[in-house]
Amino acid sequence: MSEDRSWTASAACAQQAPDALFVRGAAQRTARELCFSCPVREACLAEALDTATEFGVWGGMTERERRALLRRHPEVTDWAAWLAARGEEIDNPSMRAARRRARRTLVNA
């Protein structure tokens, strides 16, 4: 786990009220949208995964999504490295949906 948290100053949420990221239900979708354009999204998510942060939206993932990712990959000890190598697996959900639609269009064409 990295002790360098200088990335937090560059976070898209740095000027937001903390309560905006610690929400439940449908409000999490709104909170996550801010993350998808954040320049330090991977560092934020790696920090949350490395420390098993239980609450809030971090790096575009809710606590439920992070728990699921931690369960799927118990072997990971360095989330920053894992995300650098495989981060596309957890990118913006709306972008994943767009890629699926594009693939279906190509297959059906």
PDB file of N, CA and C in Angstrom:
ATOM      1  N   MET A   1       0.837  -1.181   0.000  1.00  0.00           N
ATOM      2  CA  MET A   1       0.000   0.000   0.000  1.00  0.00           C
ATOM      3  C   MET A   1       0.880   1.241   0.000  1.00  0.00           C
ATOM      4  N   SER A   2       0.533   2.175  -0.839  1.00  0.00           N
ATOM      5  CA  SER A   2       1.290   3.408  -0.951  1.00  0.00           C
ATOM      6  C   SER A   2       0.863   4.397   0.125  1.00  0.00           C
ATOM      7  N   GLU A   3       1.845   5.058   0.724  1.00  0.00           N
ATOM      8  CA  GLU A   3       1.550   6.073   1.733  1.00  0.00           C
ATOM      9  C   GLU A   3       1.409   7.447   1.093  1.00  0.00           C
ATOM     10  N   ASP A   4       1.810   7.586  -0.168  1.00  0.00           N
ATOM     11  CA  ASP A   4       1.734   8.859  -0.871  1.00  0.00           C
ATOM     12  C   ASP A   4       0.290   9.117  -1.282  1.00  0.00           C
ATOM     13  N   ARG A   5      -0.318  10.115  -0.663  1.00  0.00           N
ATOM     14  CA  ARG A   5      -1.705  10.458  -0.987  1.00  0.00           C
ATOM     15  C   ARG A   5      -1.784  11.823  -1.667  1.00  0.00           C
ATOM     16  N   SER A   6      -0.703  12.234  -2.315  1.00  0.00           N
ATOM     17  CA  SER A   6      -0.693  13.543  -2.980  1.00  0.00           C
ATOM     18  C   SER A   6      -1.724  13.602  -4.107  1.00  0.00           C
ATOM     19  N   TRP A   7      -2.115  12.447  -4.616  1.00  0.00           N
ATOM     20  CA  TRP A   7      -3.100  12.384  -5.684  1.00  0.00           C
ATOM     21  C   TRP A   7      -4.439  12.987  -5.269  1.00  0.00           C
ATOM     22  N   THR A   8      -4.730  13.022  -3.976  1.00  0.00           N
ATOM     23  CA  THR A   8      -6.040  13.490  -3.526  1.00  0.00           C
ATOM     24  C   THR A   8      -6.314  14.939  -3.922  1.00  0.00           C
ATOM     25  N   ALA A   9      -5.273  15.767  -4.021  1.00  0.00           N
ATOM     26  CA  ALA A   9      -5.467  17.165  -4.401  1.00  0.00           C
ATOM     27  C   ALA A   9      -5.961  17.304  -5.835  1.00  0.00           C
ATOM     28  N   SER A  10      -5.657  16.319  -6.685  1.00  0.00           N
ATOM     29  CA  SER A  10      -6.065  16.364  -8.086  1.00  0.00           C
ATOM     30  C   SER A  10      -7.390  15.669  -8.352  1.00  0.00           C
ATOM     31  N   ALA A  11      -7.990  15.116  -7.328  1.00  0.00           N
ATOM     32  CA  ALA A  11      -9.235  14.360  -7.495  1.00  0.00           C
ATOM     33  C   ALA A  11     -10.380  15.276  -7.925  1.00  0.00           C
ATOM     34  N   ALA A  12     -11.214  14.751  -8.803  1.00  0.00           N
ATOM     35  CA  ALA A  12     -12.375  15.504  -9.276  1.00  0.00           C
ATOM     36  C   ALA A  12     -13.315  15.846  -8.122  1.00  0.00           C
ATOM     37  N   CYS A  13     -13.305  15.064  -7.076  1.00  0.00           N
ATOM     38  CA  CYS A  13     -14.201  15.287  -5.936  1.00  0.00           C
ATOM     39  C   CYS A  13     -13.576  16.154  -4.852  1.00  0.00           C
ATOM     40  N   ALA A  14     -12.361  16.634  -5.062  1.00  0.00           N
ATOM     41  CA  ALA A  14     -11.654  17.375  -4.022  1.00  0.00           C
ATOM     42  C   ALA A  14     -12.428  18.598  -3.541  1.00  0.00           C
ATOM     43  N   GLN A  15     -13.196  19.194  -4.406  1.00  0.00           N
ATOM     44  CA  GLN A  15     -13.959  20.386  -4.029  1.00  0.00           C
ATOM     45  C   GLN A  15     -15.413  20.070  -3.686  1.00  0.00           C
ATOM     46  N   GLN A  16     -15.760  18.796  -3.686  1.00  0.00           N
ATOM     47  CA  GLN A  16     -17.124  18.380  -3.355  1.00  0.00           C
ATOM     48  C   GLN A  16     -17.261  18.192  -1.845  1.00  0.00           C
ATOM     49  N   ALA A  17     -18.469  18.297  -1.372  1.00  0.00           N
ATOM     50  CA  ALA A  17     -18.738  17.975   0.031  1.00  0.00           C
ATOM     51  C   ALA A  17     -18.587  16.464   0.199  1.00  0.00           C
ATOM     52  N   PRO A  18     -17.887  16.008   1.221  1.00  0.00           N
ATOM     53  CA  PRO A  18     -17.703  14.563   1.418  1.00  0.00           C
ATOM     54  C   PRO A  18     -19.016  13.784   1.447  1.00  0.00           C
ATOM     55  N   ASP A  19     -20.077  14.401   1.942  1.00  0.00           N
ATOM     56  CA  ASP A  19     -21.365  13.710   2.006  1.00  0.00           C
ATOM     57  C   ASP A  19     -21.884  13.319   0.626  1.00  0.00           C
ATOM     58  N   ALA A  20     -21.413  13.981  -0.418  1.00  0.00           N
ATOM     59  CA  ALA A  20     -21.856  13.665  -1.775  1.00  0.00           C
ATOM     60  C   ALA A  20     -21.352  12.306  -2.232  1.00  0.00           C
ATOM     61  N   LEU A  21     -20.291  11.795  -1.609  1.00  0.00           N
ATOM     62  CA  LEU A  21     -19.714  10.513  -2.005  1.00  0.00           C
ATOM     63  C   LEU A  21     -20.068   9.376  -1.053  1.00  0.00           C
ATOM     64  N   PHE A  22     -20.714   9.710   0.021  1.00  0.00           N
ATOM     65  CA  PHE A  22     -21.106   8.700   1.001  1.00  0.00           C
ATOM     66  C   PHE A  22     -22.616   8.630   1.052  1.00  0.00           C
ATOM     67  N   VAL A  23     -23.174   8.150  -0.045  1.00  0.00           N
ATOM     68  CA  VAL A  23     -24.619   8.091  -0.236  1.00  0.00           C
ATOM     69  C   VAL A  23     -25.040   6.643  -0.457  1.00  0.00           C
ATOM     70  N   ARG A  24     -26.314   6.416  -0.456  1.00  0.00           N
ATOM     71  CA  ARG A  24     -26.850   5.070  -0.651  1.00  0.00           C
ATOM     72  C   ARG A  24     -27.803   5.057  -1.851  1.00  0.00           C
ATOM     73  N   GLY A  25     -28.092   3.859  -2.323  1.00  0.00           N
ATOM     74  CA  GLY A  25     -29.094   3.674  -3.362  1.00  0.00           C
ATOM     75  C   GLY A  25     -28.757   4.366  -4.664  1.00  0.00           C
ATOM     76  N   ALA A  26     -29.799   4.910  -5.286  1.00  0.00           N
ATOM     77  CA  ALA A  26     -29.658   5.522  -6.612  1.00  0.00           C
ATOM     78  C   ALA A  26     -28.710   6.715  -6.615  1.00  0.00           C
ATOM     79  N   ALA A  27     -28.533   7.355  -5.485  1.00  0.00           N
ATOM     80  CA  ALA A  27     -27.627   8.509  -5.412  1.00  0.00           C
ATOM     81  C   ALA A  27     -26.185   8.100  -5.683  1.00  0.00           C
ATOM     82  N   GLN A  28     -25.874   6.825  -5.513  1.00  0.00           N
ATOM     83  CA  GLN A  28     -24.516   6.359  -5.799  1.00  0.00           C
ATOM     84  C   GLN A  28     -24.184   6.499  -7.273  1.00  0.00           C
ATOM     85  N   ARG A  29     -25.168   6.341  -8.125  1.00  0.00           N
ATOM     86  CA  ARG A  29     -24.932   6.465  -9.568  1.00  0.00           C
ATOM     87  C   ARG A  29     -24.432   7.872  -9.896  1.00  0.00           C
ATOM     88  N   THR A  30     -25.041   8.867  -9.302  1.00  0.00           N
ATOM     89  CA  THR A  30     -24.621  10.247  -9.519  1.00  0.00           C
ATOM     90  C   THR A  30     -23.205  10.471  -8.996  1.00  0.00           C
ATOM     91  N   ALA A  31     -22.938   9.940  -7.818  1.00  0.00           N
ATOM     92  CA  ALA A  31     -21.604  10.091  -7.226  1.00  0.00           C
ATOM     93  C   ALA A  31     -20.548   9.432  -8.106  1.00  0.00           C
ATOM     94  N   ARG A  32     -20.854   8.279  -8.650  1.00  0.00           N
ATOM     95  CA  ARG A  32     -19.901   7.559  -9.495  1.00  0.00           C
ATOM     96  C   ARG A  32     -19.573   8.307 -10.771  1.00  0.00           C
ATOM     97  N   GLU A  33     -20.554   9.003 -11.346  1.00  0.00           N
ATOM     98  CA  GLU A  33     -20.325   9.725 -12.604  1.00  0.00           C
ATOM     99  C   GLU A  33     -19.172  10.707 -12.487  1.00  0.00           C
ATOM    100  N   LEU A  34     -19.031  11.325 -11.345  1.00  0.00           N
ATOM    101  CA  LEU A  34     -17.924  12.261 -11.122  1.00  0.00           C
ATOM    102  C   LEU A  34     -16.584  11.543 -11.271  1.00  0.00           C
ATOM    103  N   CYS A  35     -16.529  10.306 -10.834  1.00  0.00           N
ATOM    104  CA  CYS A  35     -15.283   9.538 -10.863  1.00  0.00           C
ATOM    105  C   CYS A  35     -14.810   9.205 -12.277  1.00  0.00           C
ATOM    106  N   PHE A  36     -15.725   9.017 -13.193  1.00  0.00           N
ATOM    107  CA  PHE A  36     -15.345   8.519 -14.513  1.00  0.00           C
ATOM    108  C   PHE A  36     -14.554   9.517 -15.343  1.00  0.00           C
ATOM    109  N   SER A  37     -14.562  10.783 -14.934  1.00  0.00           N
ATOM    110  CA  SER A  37     -13.733  11.771 -15.625  1.00  0.00           C
ATOM    111  C   SER A  37     -12.549  12.206 -14.762  1.00  0.00           C
ATOM    112  N   CYS A  38     -12.342  11.538 -13.650  1.00  0.00           N
ATOM    113  CA  CYS A  38     -11.310  11.944 -12.698  1.00  0.00           C
ATOM    114  C   CYS A  38      -9.916  11.497 -13.154  1.00  0.00           C
ATOM    115  N   PRO A  39      -8.945  12.402 -13.103  1.00  0.00           N
ATOM    116  CA  PRO A  39      -7.595  12.050 -13.546  1.00  0.00           C
ATOM    117  C   PRO A  39      -6.864  11.097 -12.589  1.00  0.00           C
ATOM    118  N   VAL A  40      -7.349  10.947 -11.382  1.00  0.00           N
ATOM    119  CA  VAL A  40      -6.671  10.080 -10.407  1.00  0.00           C
ATOM    120  C   VAL A  40      -7.570   8.929  -9.960  1.00  0.00           C
ATOM    121  N   ARG A  41      -8.481   8.552 -10.829  1.00  0.00           N
ATOM    122  CA  ARG A  41      -9.449   7.495 -10.487  1.00  0.00           C
ATOM    123  C   ARG A  41      -8.763   6.199 -10.053  1.00  0.00           C
ATOM    124  N   GLU A  42      -7.760   5.751 -10.793  1.00  0.00           N
ATOM    125  CA  GLU A  42      -7.099   4.484 -10.450  1.00  0.00           C
ATOM    126  C   GLU A  42      -6.401   4.560  -9.102  1.00  0.00           C
ATOM    127  N   ALA A  43      -5.746   5.662  -8.797  1.00  0.00           N
ATOM    128  CA  ALA A  43      -5.068   5.809  -7.503  1.00  0.00           C
ATOM    129  C   ALA A  43      -6.085   5.777  -6.367  1.00  0.00           C
ATOM    130  N   CYS A  44      -7.196   6.426  -6.564  1.00  0.00           N
ATOM    131  CA  CYS A  44      -8.263   6.460  -5.569  1.00  0.00           C
ATOM    132  C   CYS A  44      -8.821   5.060  -5.332  1.00  0.00           C
ATOM    133  N   LEU A  45      -9.111   4.368  -6.414  1.00  0.00           N
ATOM    134  CA  LEU A  45      -9.660   3.022  -6.302  1.00  0.00           C
ATOM    135  C   LEU A  45      -8.648   2.069  -5.681  1.00  0.00           C
ATOM    136  N   ALA A  46      -7.390   2.174  -6.081  1.00  0.00           N
ATOM    137  CA  ALA A  46      -6.347   1.315  -5.506  1.00  0.00           C
ATOM    138  C   ALA A  46      -6.254   1.525  -3.998  1.00  0.00           C
ATOM    139  N   GLU A  47      -6.306   2.762  -3.577  1.00  0.00           N
ATOM    140  CA  GLU A  47      -6.263   3.067  -2.140  1.00  0.00           C
ATOM    141  C   GLU A  47      -7.437   2.410  -1.409  1.00  0.00           C
ATOM    142  N   ALA A  48      -8.629   2.546  -1.966  1.00  0.00           N
ATOM    143  CA  ALA A  48      -9.815   1.968  -1.339  1.00  0.00           C
ATOM    144  C   ALA A  48      -9.733   0.443  -1.288  1.00  0.00           C
ATOM    145  N   LEU A  49      -9.214  -0.170  -2.344  1.00  0.00           N
ATOM    146  CA  LEU A  49      -9.092  -1.632  -2.373  1.00  0.00           C
ATOM    147  C   LEU A  49      -7.983  -2.117  -1.448  1.00  0.00           C
ATOM    148  N   ASP A  50      -6.853  -1.427  -1.453  1.00  0.00           N
ATOM    149  CA  ASP A  50      -5.741  -1.812  -0.584  1.00  0.00           C
ATOM    150  C   ASP A  50      -6.114  -1.738   0.891  1.00  0.00           C
ATOM    151  N   THR A  51      -6.956  -0.788   1.234  1.00  0.00           N
ATOM    152  CA  THR A  51      -7.328  -0.602   2.643  1.00  0.00           C
ATOM    153  C   THR A  51      -8.688  -1.201   2.974  1.00  0.00           C
ATOM    154  N   ALA A  52      -9.305  -1.853   1.991  1.00  0.00           N
ATOM    155  CA  ALA A  52     -10.633  -2.454   2.166  1.00  0.00           C
ATOM    156  C   ALA A  52     -11.612  -1.430   2.751  1.00  0.00           C
ATOM    157  N   THR A  53     -11.611  -0.239   2.176  1.00  0.00           N
ATOM    158  CA  THR A  53     -12.507   0.823   2.621  1.00  0.00           C
ATOM    159  C   THR A  53     -13.947   0.358   2.448  1.00  0.00           C
ATOM    160  N   GLU A  54     -14.708   0.458   3.507  1.00  0.00           N
ATOM    161  CA  GLU A  54     -16.051  -0.115   3.508  1.00  0.00           C
ATOM    162  C   GLU A  54     -17.144   0.808   3.006  1.00  0.00           C
ATOM    163  N   PHE A  55     -16.978   2.120   3.137  1.00  0.00           N
ATOM    164  CA  PHE A  55     -18.080   3.016   2.844  1.00  0.00           C
ATOM    165  C   PHE A  55     -17.731   4.028   1.765  1.00  0.00           C
ATOM    166  N   GLY A  56     -18.748   4.445   1.029  1.00  0.00           N
ATOM    167  CA  GLY A  56     -18.593   5.506   0.056  1.00  0.00           C
ATOM    168  C   GLY A  56     -18.229   5.028  -1.331  1.00  0.00           C
ATOM    169  N   VAL A  57     -18.283   5.963  -2.260  1.00  0.00           N
ATOM    170  CA  VAL A  57     -17.874   5.726  -3.640  1.00  0.00           C
ATOM    171  C   VAL A  57     -16.421   6.157  -3.743  1.00  0.00           C
ATOM    172  N   TRP A  58     -15.580   5.255  -4.205  1.00  0.00           N
ATOM    173  CA  TRP A  58     -14.143   5.515  -4.369  1.00  0.00           C
ATOM    174  C   TRP A  58     -13.742   5.000  -5.743  1.00  0.00           C
ATOM    175  N   GLY A  59     -13.107   5.826  -6.523  1.00  0.00           N
ATOM    176  CA  GLY A  59     -12.627   5.396  -7.833  1.00  0.00           C
ATOM    177  C   GLY A  59     -13.719   4.895  -8.753  1.00  0.00           C
ATOM    178  N   GLY A  60     -14.934   5.364  -8.552  1.00  0.00           N
ATOM    179  CA  GLY A  60     -16.044   4.965  -9.416  1.00  0.00           C
ATOM    180  C   GLY A  60     -16.728   3.680  -9.024  1.00  0.00           C
ATOM    181  N   MET A  61     -16.391   3.157  -7.861  1.00  0.00           N
ATOM    182  CA  MET A  61     -17.022   1.904  -7.423  1.00  0.00           C
ATOM    183  C   MET A  61     -17.682   2.088  -6.062  1.00  0.00           C
ATOM    184  N   THR A  62     -18.833   1.482  -5.924  1.00  0.00           N
ATOM    185  CA  THR A  62     -19.534   1.498  -4.648  1.00  0.00           C
ATOM    186  C   THR A  62     -18.903   0.466  -3.720  1.00  0.00           C
ATOM    187  N   GLU A  63     -19.296   0.505  -2.459  1.00  0.00           N
ATOM    188  CA  GLU A  63     -18.746  -0.476  -1.520  1.00  0.00           C
ATOM    189  C   GLU A  63     -19.089  -1.899  -1.940  1.00  0.00           C
ATOM    190  N   ARG A  64     -20.271  -2.117  -2.467  1.00  0.00           N
ATOM    191  CA  ARG A  64     -20.676  -3.455  -2.916  1.00  0.00           C
ATOM    192  C   ARG A  64     -19.805  -3.919  -4.079  1.00  0.00           C
ATOM    193  N   GLU A  65     -19.554  -3.038  -5.031  1.00  0.00           N
ATOM    194  CA  GLU A  65     -18.713  -3.387  -6.180  1.00  0.00           C
ATOM    195  C   GLU A  65     -17.281  -3.690  -5.751  1.00  0.00           C
ATOM    196  N   ARG A  66     -16.766  -2.910  -4.809  1.00  0.00           N
ATOM    197  CA  ARG A  66     -15.395  -3.164  -4.324  1.00  0.00           C
ATOM    198  C   ARG A  66     -15.316  -4.492  -3.588  1.00  0.00           C
ATOM    199  N   ARG A  67     -16.310  -4.785  -2.745  1.00  0.00           N
ATOM    200  CA  ARG A  67     -16.301  -6.082  -2.044  1.00  0.00           C
ATOM    201  C   ARG A  67     -16.315  -7.235  -3.035  1.00  0.00           C
ATOM    202  N   ALA A  68     -17.118  -7.115  -4.076  1.00  0.00           N
ATOM    203  CA  ALA A  68     -17.185  -8.164  -5.095  1.00  0.00           C
ATOM    204  C   ALA A  68     -15.841  -8.330  -5.802  1.00  0.00           C
ATOM    205  N   LEU A  69     -15.194  -7.222  -6.131  1.00  0.00           N
ATOM    206  CA  LEU A  69     -13.886  -7.279  -6.790  1.00  0.00           C
ATOM    207  C   LEU A  69     -12.846  -7.911  -5.871  1.00  0.00           C
ATOM    208  N   LEU A  70     -12.870  -7.555  -4.601  1.00  0.00           N
ATOM    209  CA  LEU A  70     -11.943  -8.155  -3.633  1.00  0.00           C
ATOM    210  C   LEU A  70     -12.177  -9.656  -3.504  1.00  0.00           C
ATOM    211  N   ARG A  71     -13.434 -10.078  -3.534  1.00  0.00           N
ATOM    212  CA  ARG A  71     -13.738 -11.518  -3.459  1.00  0.00           C
ATOM    213  C   ARG A  71     -13.283 -12.254  -4.711  1.00  0.00           C
ATOM    214  N   ARG A  72     -13.460 -11.614  -5.884  1.00  0.00           N
ATOM    215  CA  ARG A  72     -13.066 -12.261  -7.143  1.00  0.00           C
ATOM    216  C   ARG A  72     -11.556 -12.395  -7.287  1.00  0.00           C
ATOM    217  N   HIS A  73     -10.808 -11.513  -6.631  1.00  0.00           N
ATOM    218  CA  HIS A  73      -9.353 -11.498  -6.796  1.00  0.00           C
ATOM    219  C   HIS A  73      -8.638 -11.453  -5.448  1.00  0.00           C
ATOM    220  N   PRO A  74      -8.793 -12.484  -4.630  1.00  0.00           N
ATOM    221  CA  PRO A  74      -8.152 -12.480  -3.304  1.00  0.00           C
ATOM    222  C   PRO A  74      -6.628 -12.548  -3.378  1.00  0.00           C
ATOM    223  N   GLU A  75      -6.108 -12.918  -4.526  1.00  0.00           N
ATOM    224  CA  GLU A  75      -4.662 -13.056  -4.690  1.00  0.00           C
ATOM    225  C   GLU A  75      -3.950 -11.715  -4.871  1.00  0.00           C
ATOM    226  N   VAL A  76      -4.683 -10.658  -5.168  1.00  0.00           N
ATOM    227  CA  VAL A  76      -4.072  -9.360  -5.450  1.00  0.00           C
ATOM    228  C   VAL A  76      -3.558  -8.720  -4.159  1.00  0.00           C
ATOM    229  N   THR A  77      -2.289  -8.346  -4.184  1.00  0.00           N
ATOM    230  CA  THR A  77      -1.689  -7.663  -3.031  1.00  0.00           C
ATOM    231  C   THR A  77      -1.312  -6.226  -3.355  1.00  0.00           C
ATOM    232  N   ASP A  78      -1.287  -5.884  -4.641  1.00  0.00           N
ATOM    233  CA  ASP A  78      -0.959  -4.523  -5.066  1.00  0.00           C
ATOM    234  C   ASP A  78      -2.006  -4.092  -6.089  1.00  0.00           C
ATOM    235  N   TRP A  79      -3.023  -3.405  -5.591  1.00  0.00           N
ATOM    236  CA  TRP A  79      -4.114  -3.025  -6.475  1.00  0.00           C
ATOM    237  C   TRP A  79      -3.711  -1.981  -7.502  1.00  0.00           C
ATOM    238  N   ALA A  80      -2.774  -1.125  -7.176  1.00  0.00           N
ATOM    239  CA  ALA A  80      -2.319  -0.122  -8.147  1.00  0.00           C
ATOM    240  C   ALA A  80      -1.727  -0.819  -9.375  1.00  0.00           C
ATOM    241  N   ALA A  81      -0.912  -1.832  -9.147  1.00  0.00           N
ATOM    242  CA  ALA A  81      -0.313  -2.575 -10.262  1.00  0.00           C
ATOM    243  C   ALA A  81      -1.380  -3.347 -11.035  1.00  0.00           C
ATOM    244  N   TRP A  82      -2.292  -3.962 -10.316  1.00  0.00           N
ATOM    245  CA  TRP A  82      -3.349  -4.734 -10.968  1.00  0.00           C
ATOM    246  C   TRP A  82      -4.199  -3.820 -11.849  1.00  0.00           C
ATOM    247  N   LEU A  83      -4.571  -2.660 -11.314  1.00  0.00           N
ATOM    248  CA  LEU A  83      -5.383  -1.726 -12.089  1.00  0.00           C
ATOM    249  C   LEU A  83      -4.629  -1.196 -13.299  1.00  0.00           C
ATOM    250  N   ALA A  84      -3.333  -0.955 -13.150  1.00  0.00           N
ATOM    251  CA  ALA A  84      -2.536  -0.475 -14.279  1.00  0.00           C
ATOM    252  C   ALA A  84      -2.526  -1.505 -15.406  1.00  0.00           C
ATOM    253  N   ALA A  85      -2.516  -2.776 -15.028  1.00  0.00           N
ATOM    254  CA  ALA A  85      -2.467  -3.844 -16.027  1.00  0.00           C
ATOM    255  C   ALA A  85      -3.847  -4.235 -16.548  1.00  0.00           C
ATOM    256  N   ARG A  86      -4.870  -4.154 -15.697  1.00  0.00           N
ATOM    257  CA  ARG A  86      -6.176  -4.696 -16.061  1.00  0.00           C
ATOM    258  C   ARG A  86      -7.333  -3.766 -15.752  1.00  0.00           C
ATOM    259  N   GLY A  87      -7.064  -2.496 -15.568  1.00  0.00           N
ATOM    260  CA  GLY A  87      -8.088  -1.543 -15.177  1.00  0.00           C
ATOM    261  C   GLY A  87      -9.260  -1.428 -16.122  1.00  0.00           C
ATOM    262  N   GLU A  88      -9.056  -1.784 -17.380  1.00  0.00           N
ATOM    263  CA  GLU A  88     -10.162  -1.693 -18.337  1.00  0.00           C
ATOM    264  C   GLU A  88     -11.306  -2.619 -17.948  1.00  0.00           C
ATOM    265  N   GLU A  89     -11.035  -3.607 -17.105  1.00  0.00           N
ATOM    266  CA  GLU A  89     -12.081  -4.525 -16.659  1.00  0.00           C
ATOM    267  C   GLU A  89     -13.115  -3.839 -15.770  1.00  0.00           C
ATOM    268  N   ILE A  90     -12.744  -2.703 -15.212  1.00  0.00           N
ATOM    269  CA  ILE A  90     -13.656  -2.027 -14.290  1.00  0.00           C
ATOM    270  C   ILE A  90     -13.902  -0.584 -14.703  1.00  0.00           C
ATOM    271  N   ASP A  91     -13.823  -0.302 -15.984  1.00  0.00           N
ATOM    272  CA  ASP A  91     -14.016   1.065 -16.444  1.00  0.00           C
ATOM    273  C   ASP A  91     -15.478   1.482 -16.324  1.00  0.00           C
ATOM    274  N   ASN A  92     -15.776   2.628 -16.836  1.00  0.00           N
ATOM    275  CA  ASN A  92     -17.106   3.219 -16.775  1.00  0.00           C
ATOM    276  C   ASN A  92     -18.156   2.230 -17.288  1.00  0.00           C
ATOM    277  N   PRO A  93     -19.161   1.891 -16.472  1.00  0.00           N
ATOM    278  CA  PRO A  93     -20.179   0.931 -16.895  1.00  0.00           C
ATOM    279  C   PRO A  93     -20.913   1.355 -18.163  1.00  0.00           C
ATOM    280  N   SER A  94     -21.128   2.634 -18.344  1.00  0.00           N
ATOM    281  CA  SER A  94     -21.828   3.065 -19.556  1.00  0.00           C
ATOM    282  C   SER A  94     -20.954   2.841 -20.782  1.00  0.00           C
ATOM    283  N   MET A  95     -19.628   2.936 -20.624  1.00  0.00           N
ATOM    284  CA  MET A  95     -18.725   2.653 -21.737  1.00  0.00           C
ATOM    285  C   MET A  95     -18.729   1.155 -22.041  1.00  0.00           C
ATOM    286  N   ARG A  96     -18.793   0.307 -21.020  1.00  0.00           N
ATOM    287  CA  ARG A  96     -18.881  -1.136 -21.248  1.00  0.00           C
ATOM    288  C   ARG A  96     -20.136  -1.465 -22.037  1.00  0.00           C
ATOM    289  N   ALA A  97     -21.262  -0.847 -21.660  1.00  0.00           N
ATOM    290  CA  ALA A  97     -22.520  -1.093 -22.363  1.00  0.00           C
ATOM    291  C   ALA A  97     -22.412  -0.648 -23.817  1.00  0.00           C
ATOM    292  N   ALA A  98     -21.768   0.479 -24.058  1.00  0.00           N
ATOM    293  CA  ALA A  98     -21.598   0.971 -25.427  1.00  0.00           C
ATOM    294  C   ALA A  98     -20.741   0.003 -26.243  1.00  0.00           C
ATOM    295  N   ARG A  99     -19.689  -0.540 -25.624  1.00  0.00           N
ATOM    296  CA  ARG A  99     -18.841  -1.511 -26.335  1.00  0.00           C
ATOM    297  C   ARG A  99     -19.631  -2.782 -26.659  1.00  0.00           C
ATOM    298  N   ARG A 100     -20.466  -3.240 -25.725  1.00  0.00           N
ATOM    299  CA  ARG A 100     -21.283  -4.432 -25.986  1.00  0.00           C
ATOM    300  C   ARG A 100     -22.234  -4.185 -27.152  1.00  0.00           C
ATOM    301  N   ARG A 101     -22.864  -3.006 -27.168  1.00  0.00           N
ATOM    302  CA  ARG A 101     -23.781  -2.683 -28.273  1.00  0.00           C
ATOM    303  C   ARG A 101     -23.022  -2.648 -29.595  1.00  0.00           C
ATOM    304  N   ALA A 102     -21.833  -2.070 -29.591  1.00  0.00           N
ATOM    305  CA  ALA A 102     -21.027  -1.993 -30.811  1.00  0.00           C
ATOM    306  C   ALA A 102     -20.646  -3.390 -31.293  1.00  0.00           C
ATOM    307  N   ARG A 103     -20.261  -4.256 -30.375  1.00  0.00           N
ATOM    308  CA  ARG A 103     -19.917  -5.637 -30.760  1.00  0.00           C
ATOM    309  C   ARG A 103     -21.117  -6.355 -31.354  1.00  0.00           C
ATOM    310  N   ARG A 104     -22.294  -6.183 -30.733  1.00  0.00           N
ATOM    311  CA  ARG A 104     -23.503  -6.823 -31.256  1.00  0.00           C
ATOM    312  C   ARG A 104     -23.823  -6.315 -32.651  1.00  0.00           C
ATOM    313  N   THR A 105     -23.640  -5.028 -32.867  1.00  0.00           N
ATOM    314  CA  THR A 105     -23.899  -4.442 -34.184  1.00  0.00           C
ATOM    315  C   THR A 105     -22.969  -5.047 -35.223  1.00  0.00           C
ATOM    316  N   LEU A 106     -21.682  -5.211 -34.874  1.00  0.00           N
ATOM    317  CA  LEU A 106     -20.717  -5.819 -35.806  1.00  0.00           C
ATOM    318  C   LEU A 106     -21.067  -7.264 -36.101  1.00  0.00           C
ATOM    319  N   VAL A 107     -21.468  -7.997 -35.075  1.00  0.00           N
ATOM    320  CA  VAL A 107     -21.815  -9.410 -35.247  1.00  0.00           C
ATOM    321  C   VAL A 107     -23.056  -9.560 -36.101  1.00  0.00           C
ATOM    322  N   ASN A 108     -24.018  -8.689 -35.922  1.00  0.00           N
ATOM    323  CA  ASN A 108     -25.286  -8.771 -36.644  1.00  0.00           C
ATOM    324  C   ASN A 108     -25.237  -8.133 -38.025  1.00  0.00           C
ATOM    325  N   ALA A 109     -24.157  -7.443 -38.342  1.00  0.00           N
ATOM    326  CA  ALA A 109     -24.073  -6.753 -39.644  1.00  0.00           C
ATOM    327  C   ALA A 109     -23.753  -7.687 -40.765  1.00  0.00           C
TER     328      ALA A 109
END
